[in-house]
Amino acid sequence: MSRVRAVPLGVLLVIALVPVVAGCDQGTADSREAAQRTTSAQGTPTAPPDRGVRESVPESGGLIPSGALPPVAVEVAPGVQVVTPVRTAAVEATERFAVTLTRWLYGDRRRLEVEPVTPELAREIDRDPPASIPRDQRNTDQGRIRDISLAIQTERSGVVAVTVNDLRTDIHLFAQVELRDGRWVVVRFNDD
């Protein structure tokens, strides 16, 4: 025979509120992440990133696609010390590069630019695009960023990997990124 045991009202309230409070903790973590990402590589305050709808890139006027980007997976080589503002700037440059490259590959190449890249790489991209996109998919904006990763190899360099899906196939792109004159720029594409 089972016995029903009376449970105090306070215990029931705690049991009911634990999932609600745990859900609030995620907002706190997001707030901490945003607070950490509010300083540029030069140490000047910047607006926290918006993982939601993207609009435009003010520095160049290039467009950012709507929708959420996947988070940048960051790995730092053992023994490498990267201060938070420099790491944040590297992540932001990686996101900007992934988005502008995808827009350029699948958009109007005459009016869009890939950034942040060196002037030499910009000319190379115009001459010899890093990926062959079929003509019927150009100017369609079908490219979607599936994955973005950044492997920081030294305090001043790393490798960016971007996977773009275009409803037919995945395209994997790899590039070398360096910290030059206080800003992270892509300097060349790597072979697969």
C-alpha atoms as a PDB file:
ATOM      1  CA  MET A   1       0.000   0.000   0.000  1.00  0.00           C
ATOM      2  CA  SER A   2       1.451   3.338  -1.014  1.00  0.00           C
ATOM      3  CA  ARG A   3       1.386   6.204   1.293  1.00  0.00           C
ATOM      4  CA  VAL A   4       0.678   9.764   0.154  1.00  0.00           C
ATOM      5  CA  ARG A   5       2.938  12.234   1.820  1.00  0.00           C
ATOM      6  CA  ALA A   6       2.118  15.881   2.222  1.00  0.00           C
ATOM      7  CA  VAL A   7       4.688  18.216   0.639  1.00  0.00           C
ATOM      8  CA  PRO A   8       5.046  21.726   2.019  1.00  0.00           C
ATOM      9  CA  LEU A   9       3.896  24.530  -0.260  1.00  0.00           C
ATOM     10  CA  GLY A  10       7.375  26.135  -0.226  1.00  0.00           C
ATOM     11  CA  VAL A  11       8.956  22.991  -1.706  1.00  0.00           C
ATOM     12  CA  LEU A  12       6.356  22.924  -4.483  1.00  0.00           C
ATOM     13  CA  LEU A  13       7.096  26.575  -5.320  1.00  0.00           C
ATOM     14  CA  VAL A  14      10.844  25.904  -5.493  1.00  0.00           C
ATOM     15  CA  ILE A  15      10.281  22.927  -7.786  1.00  0.00           C
ATOM     16  CA  ALA A  16       8.032  25.009 -10.032  1.00  0.00           C
ATOM     17  CA  LEU A  17      10.372  28.028 -10.173  1.00  0.00           C
ATOM     18  CA  VAL A  18      13.705  26.231 -10.785  1.00  0.00           C
ATOM     19  CA  PRO A  19      13.125  25.855 -14.568  1.00  0.00           C
ATOM     20  CA  VAL A  20      12.036  29.511 -14.815  1.00  0.00           C
ATOM     21  CA  VAL A  21      15.105  30.785 -12.968  1.00  0.00           C
ATOM     22  CA  ALA A  22      17.407  28.478 -14.958  1.00  0.00           C
ATOM     23  CA  GLY A  23      15.989  29.946 -18.164  1.00  0.00           C
ATOM     24  CA  CYS A  24      16.830  33.440 -16.924  1.00  0.00           C
ATOM     25  CA  ASP A  25      20.460  32.425 -16.423  1.00  0.00           C
ATOM     26  CA  GLN A  26      20.908  32.152 -20.206  1.00  0.00           C
ATOM     27  CA  GLY A  27      20.038  35.823 -20.516  1.00  0.00           C
ATOM     28  CA  THR A  28      22.681  36.637 -17.948  1.00  0.00           C
ATOM     29  CA  ALA A  29      25.313  34.686 -19.917  1.00  0.00           C
ATOM     30  CA  ASP A  30      24.263  36.483 -23.103  1.00  0.00           C
ATOM     31  CA  SER A  31      24.562  39.811 -21.295  1.00  0.00           C
ATOM     32  CA  ARG A  32      28.047  38.931 -20.080  1.00  0.00           C
ATOM     33  CA  GLU A  33      29.078  37.918 -23.618  1.00  0.00           C
ATOM     34  CA  ALA A  34      27.723  41.179 -24.996  1.00  0.00           C
ATOM     35  CA  ALA A  35      29.552  43.148 -22.331  1.00  0.00           C
ATOM     36  CA  GLN A  36      32.805  41.374 -23.204  1.00  0.00           C
ATOM     37  CA  ARG A  37      32.336  42.167 -26.879  1.00  0.00           C
ATOM     38  CA  THR A  38      31.884  45.912 -26.419  1.00  0.00           C
ATOM     39  CA  THR A  39      35.504  46.897 -26.970  1.00  0.00           C
ATOM     40  CA  SER A  40      37.367  47.016 -30.279  1.00  0.00           C
ATOM     41  CA  ALA A  41      40.977  45.919 -30.827  1.00  0.00           C
ATOM     42  CA  GLN A  42      42.059  49.513 -30.209  1.00  0.00           C
ATOM     43  CA  GLY A  43      40.282  49.506 -26.838  1.00  0.00           C
ATOM     44  CA  THR A  44      37.522  51.882 -27.935  1.00  0.00           C
ATOM     45  CA  PRO A  45      33.910  51.122 -27.055  1.00  0.00           C
ATOM     46  CA  THR A  46      31.787  49.544 -29.772  1.00  0.00           C
ATOM     47  CA  ALA A  47      28.195  48.429 -29.978  1.00  0.00           C
ATOM     48  CA  PRO A  48      27.618  44.822 -28.914  1.00  0.00           C
ATOM     49  CA  PRO A  49      27.008  42.443 -31.822  1.00  0.00           C
ATOM     50  CA  ASP A  50      23.461  41.587 -32.775  1.00  0.00           C
ATOM     51  CA  ARG A  51      23.071  37.892 -33.541  1.00  0.00           C
ATOM     52  CA  GLY A  52      19.626  38.596 -34.932  1.00  0.00           C
ATOM     53  CA  VAL A  53      18.774  40.525 -38.061  1.00  0.00           C
ATOM     54  CA  ARG A  54      21.740  42.086 -39.851  1.00  0.00           C
ATOM     55  CA  GLU A  55      21.355  45.234 -41.889  1.00  0.00           C
ATOM     56  CA  SER A  56      24.361  46.953 -43.361  1.00  0.00           C
ATOM     57  CA  VAL A  57      28.057  47.341 -42.778  1.00  0.00           C
ATOM     58  CA  PRO A  58      28.532  51.055 -42.126  1.00  0.00           C
ATOM     59  CA  GLU A  59      32.243  51.236 -43.036  1.00  0.00           C
ATOM     60  CA  SER A  60      31.816  50.122 -46.634  1.00  0.00           C
ATOM     61  CA  GLY A  61      28.101  50.213 -47.317  1.00  0.00           C
ATOM     62  CA  GLY A  62      28.157  46.473 -48.121  1.00  0.00           C
ATOM     63  CA  LEU A  63      25.011  44.578 -47.215  1.00  0.00           C
ATOM     64  CA  ILE A  64      24.728  41.885 -44.572  1.00  0.00           C
ATOM     65  CA  PRO A  65      22.115  39.166 -45.151  1.00  0.00           C
ATOM     66  CA  SER A  66      19.094  38.963 -42.892  1.00  0.00           C
ATOM     67  CA  GLY A  67      18.869  36.146 -40.401  1.00  0.00           C
ATOM     68  CA  ALA A  68      21.045  34.790 -37.660  1.00  0.00           C
ATOM     69  CA  LEU A  69      24.612  33.790 -38.317  1.00  0.00           C
ATOM     70  CA  PRO A  70      25.974  30.618 -36.822  1.00  0.00           C
ATOM     71  CA  PRO A  71      28.306  31.404 -33.943  1.00  0.00           C
ATOM     72  CA  VAL A  72      31.999  31.560 -34.789  1.00  0.00           C
ATOM     73  CA  ALA A  73      33.767  28.523 -33.350  1.00  0.00           C
ATOM     74  CA  VAL A  74      37.069  29.836 -31.993  1.00  0.00           C
ATOM     75  CA  GLU A  75      40.130  27.759 -31.192  1.00  0.00           C
ATOM     76  CA  VAL A  76      43.334  29.233 -29.834  1.00  0.00           C
ATOM     77  CA  ALA A  77      46.616  27.372 -30.248  1.00  0.00           C
ATOM     78  CA  PRO A  78      48.166  26.100 -27.008  1.00  0.00           C
ATOM     79  CA  GLY A  79      50.365  28.701 -25.355  1.00  0.00           C
ATOM     80  CA  VAL A  80      48.939  31.611 -27.356  1.00  0.00           C
ATOM     81  CA  GLN A  81      47.625  34.458 -25.222  1.00  0.00           C
ATOM     82  CA  VAL A  82      45.039  36.672 -26.944  1.00  0.00           C
ATOM     83  CA  VAL A  83      43.443  39.470 -24.929  1.00  0.00           C
ATOM     84  CA  THR A  84      39.661  39.709 -25.105  1.00  0.00           C
ATOM     85  CA  PRO A  85      39.444  42.879 -27.240  1.00  0.00           C
ATOM     86  CA  VAL A  86      41.803  41.412 -29.850  1.00  0.00           C
ATOM     87  CA  ARG A  87      39.928  38.104 -29.862  1.00  0.00           C
ATOM     88  CA  THR A  88      36.608  39.945 -30.182  1.00  0.00           C
ATOM     89  CA  ALA A  89      37.942  41.973 -33.115  1.00  0.00           C
ATOM     90  CA  ALA A  90      39.149  38.743 -34.788  1.00  0.00           C
ATOM     91  CA  VAL A  91      35.716  37.154 -34.383  1.00  0.00           C
ATOM     92  CA  GLU A  92      33.966  40.248 -35.763  1.00  0.00           C
ATOM     93  CA  ALA A  93      36.336  40.357 -38.767  1.00  0.00           C
ATOM     94  CA  THR A  94      35.704  36.645 -39.355  1.00  0.00           C
ATOM     95  CA  GLU A  95      31.930  37.174 -39.331  1.00  0.00           C
ATOM     96  CA  ARG A  96      32.192  40.195 -41.628  1.00  0.00           C
ATOM     97  CA  PHE A  97      34.411  38.281 -44.070  1.00  0.00           C
ATOM     98  CA  ALA A  98      32.089  35.249 -44.135  1.00  0.00           C
ATOM     99  CA  VAL A  99      29.006  37.374 -44.728  1.00  0.00           C
ATOM    100  CA  THR A 100      30.465  39.716 -47.349  1.00  0.00           C
ATOM    101  CA  LEU A 101      32.134  36.850 -49.235  1.00  0.00           C
ATOM    102  CA  THR A 102      28.871  34.887 -49.337  1.00  0.00           C
ATOM    103  CA  ARG A 103      26.936  37.947 -50.504  1.00  0.00           C
ATOM    104  CA  TRP A 104      29.563  38.624 -53.173  1.00  0.00           C
ATOM    105  CA  LEU A 105      29.618  35.005 -54.431  1.00  0.00           C
ATOM    106  CA  TYR A 106      25.810  34.800 -54.757  1.00  0.00           C
ATOM    107  CA  GLY A 107      24.968  38.458 -55.292  1.00  0.00           C
ATOM    108  CA  ASP A 108      25.742  41.333 -57.622  1.00  0.00           C
ATOM    109  CA  ARG A 109      29.532  41.204 -57.788  1.00  0.00           C
ATOM    110  CA  ARG A 110      29.757  44.600 -59.479  1.00  0.00           C
ATOM    111  CA  ARG A 111      28.352  46.515 -56.516  1.00  0.00           C
ATOM    112  CA  LEU A 112      29.433  44.390 -53.530  1.00  0.00           C
ATOM    113  CA  GLU A 113      32.854  44.103 -51.911  1.00  0.00           C
ATOM    114  CA  VAL A 114      34.421  41.387 -49.803  1.00  0.00           C
ATOM    115  CA  GLU A 115      35.884  42.720 -46.564  1.00  0.00           C
ATOM    116  CA  PRO A 116      38.031  42.984 -44.529  1.00  0.00           C
ATOM    117  CA  VAL A 117      40.660  41.950 -47.075  1.00  0.00           C
ATOM    118  CA  THR A 118      43.938  43.432 -48.246  1.00  0.00           C
ATOM    119  CA  PRO A 119      43.812  45.447 -51.491  1.00  0.00           C
ATOM    120  CA  GLU A 120      45.898  42.734 -53.182  1.00  0.00           C
ATOM    121  CA  LEU A 121      43.432  40.013 -52.179  1.00  0.00           C
ATOM    122  CA  ALA A 122      40.467  42.145 -53.297  1.00  0.00           C
ATOM    123  CA  ARG A 123      41.988  42.358 -56.795  1.00  0.00           C
ATOM    124  CA  GLU A 124      42.689  38.617 -56.778  1.00  0.00           C
ATOM    125  CA  ILE A 125      39.090  37.831 -55.784  1.00  0.00           C
ATOM    126  CA  ASP A 126      37.816  39.937 -58.697  1.00  0.00           C
ATOM    127  CA  ARG A 127      40.164  38.168 -61.154  1.00  0.00           C
ATOM    128  CA  ASP A 128      39.851  34.635 -59.795  1.00  0.00           C
ATOM    129  CA  PRO A 129      36.917  33.997 -57.410  1.00  0.00           C
ATOM    130  CA  PRO A 130      37.706  31.536 -54.605  1.00  0.00           C
ATOM    131  CA  ALA A 131      34.707  29.354 -55.490  1.00  0.00           C
ATOM    132  CA  SER A 132      33.013  28.515 -58.755  1.00  0.00           C
ATOM    133  CA  ILE A 133      29.341  29.400 -58.449  1.00  0.00           C
ATOM    134  CA  PRO A 134      27.152  28.276 -61.382  1.00  0.00           C
ATOM    135  CA  ARG A 135      25.830  31.217 -63.402  1.00  0.00           C
ATOM    136  CA  ASP A 136      22.220  30.284 -62.657  1.00  0.00           C
ATOM    137  CA  GLN A 137      22.882  30.801 -58.931  1.00  0.00           C
ATOM    138  CA  ARG A 138      24.599  34.166 -59.182  1.00  0.00           C
ATOM    139  CA  ASN A 139      22.457  37.173 -58.207  1.00  0.00           C
ATOM    140  CA  THR A 140      20.077  34.819 -56.385  1.00  0.00           C
ATOM    141  CA  ASP A 141      21.311  35.297 -52.799  1.00  0.00           C
ATOM    142  CA  GLN A 142      20.930  31.513 -52.337  1.00  0.00           C
ATOM    143  CA  GLY A 143      24.184  31.108 -50.425  1.00  0.00           C
ATOM    144  CA  ARG A 144      23.728  30.515 -46.694  1.00  0.00           C
ATOM    145  CA  ILE A 145      26.528  30.351 -44.159  1.00  0.00           C
ATOM    146  CA  ARG A 146      26.423  26.978 -42.450  1.00  0.00           C
ATOM    147  CA  ASP A 147      29.586  27.138 -40.311  1.00  0.00           C
ATOM    148  CA  ILE A 148      32.236  29.704 -39.420  1.00  0.00           C
ATOM    149  CA  SER A 149      35.385  28.928 -37.503  1.00  0.00           C
ATOM    150  CA  LEU A 150      38.520  30.782 -36.524  1.00  0.00           C
ATOM    151  CA  ALA A 151      41.739  29.076 -35.462  1.00  0.00           C
ATOM    152  CA  ILE A 152      44.024  31.639 -33.844  1.00  0.00           C
ATOM    153  CA  GLN A 153      47.569  30.365 -34.385  1.00  0.00           C
ATOM    154  CA  THR A 154      49.582  33.294 -32.974  1.00  0.00           C
ATOM    155  CA  GLU A 155      48.713  36.606 -31.349  1.00  0.00           C
ATOM    156  CA  ARG A 156      48.648  38.151 -34.849  1.00  0.00           C
ATOM    157  CA  SER A 157      47.449  35.409 -37.242  1.00  0.00           C
ATOM    158  CA  GLY A 158      44.952  32.657 -37.768  1.00  0.00           C
ATOM    159  CA  VAL A 159      42.909  30.645 -40.243  1.00  0.00           C
ATOM    160  CA  VAL A 160      39.259  31.244 -41.081  1.00  0.00           C
ATOM    161  CA  ALA A 161      37.061  28.406 -42.349  1.00  0.00           C
ATOM    162  CA  VAL A 162      33.647  29.132 -43.837  1.00  0.00           C
ATOM    163  CA  THR A 163      31.130  26.583 -45.085  1.00  0.00           C
ATOM    164  CA  VAL A 164      28.461  27.947 -47.407  1.00  0.00           C
ATOM    165  CA  ASN A 165      25.438  25.936 -48.531  1.00  0.00           C
ATOM    166  CA  ASP A 166      23.648  26.918 -51.729  1.00  0.00           C
ATOM    167  CA  LEU A 167      20.759  24.429 -51.784  1.00  0.00           C
ATOM    168  CA  ARG A 168      22.866  22.124 -54.006  1.00  0.00           C
ATOM    169  CA  THR A 169      26.138  21.601 -52.224  1.00  0.00           C
ATOM    170  CA  ASP A 170      28.433  22.778 -49.454  1.00  0.00           C
ATOM    171  CA  ILE A 171      31.382  24.984 -50.379  1.00  0.00           C
ATOM    172  CA  HIS A 172      34.332  25.024 -47.978  1.00  0.00           C
ATOM    173  CA  LEU A 173      36.560  28.109 -48.020  1.00  0.00           C
ATOM    174  CA  PHE A 174      39.743  28.644 -46.011  1.00  0.00           C
ATOM    175  CA  ALA A 175      41.656  31.898 -45.618  1.00  0.00           C
ATOM    176  CA  GLN A 176      44.610  33.308 -43.711  1.00  0.00           C
ATOM    177  CA  VAL A 177      43.815  36.245 -41.416  1.00  0.00           C
ATOM    178  CA  GLU A 178      46.336  38.610 -39.834  1.00  0.00           C
ATOM    179  CA  LEU A 179      46.313  41.516 -37.417  1.00  0.00           C
ATOM    180  CA  ARG A 180      47.710  44.477 -39.389  1.00  0.00           C
ATOM    181  CA  ASP A 181      47.759  48.080 -38.212  1.00  0.00           C
ATOM    182  CA  GLY A 182      45.361  47.266 -35.378  1.00  0.00           C
ATOM    183  CA  ARG A 183      42.724  45.478 -37.475  1.00  0.00           C
ATOM    184  CA  TRP A 184      42.188  41.905 -38.582  1.00  0.00           C
ATOM    185  CA  VAL A 185      42.263  41.410 -42.365  1.00  0.00           C
ATOM    186  CA  VAL A 186      42.171  38.408 -44.657  1.00  0.00           C
ATOM    187  CA  VAL A 187      45.453  38.251 -46.579  1.00  0.00           C
ATOM    188  CA  ARG A 188      45.051  35.163 -48.776  1.00  0.00           C
ATOM    189  CA  PHE A 189      42.948  32.113 -49.472  1.00  0.00           C
ATOM    190  CA  ASN A 190      44.323  28.723 -48.472  1.00  0.00           C
ATOM    191  CA  ASP A 191      43.989  25.574 -50.505  1.00  0.00           C
ATOM    192  CA  ASP A 192      41.625  22.978 -49.049  1.00  0.00           C
END
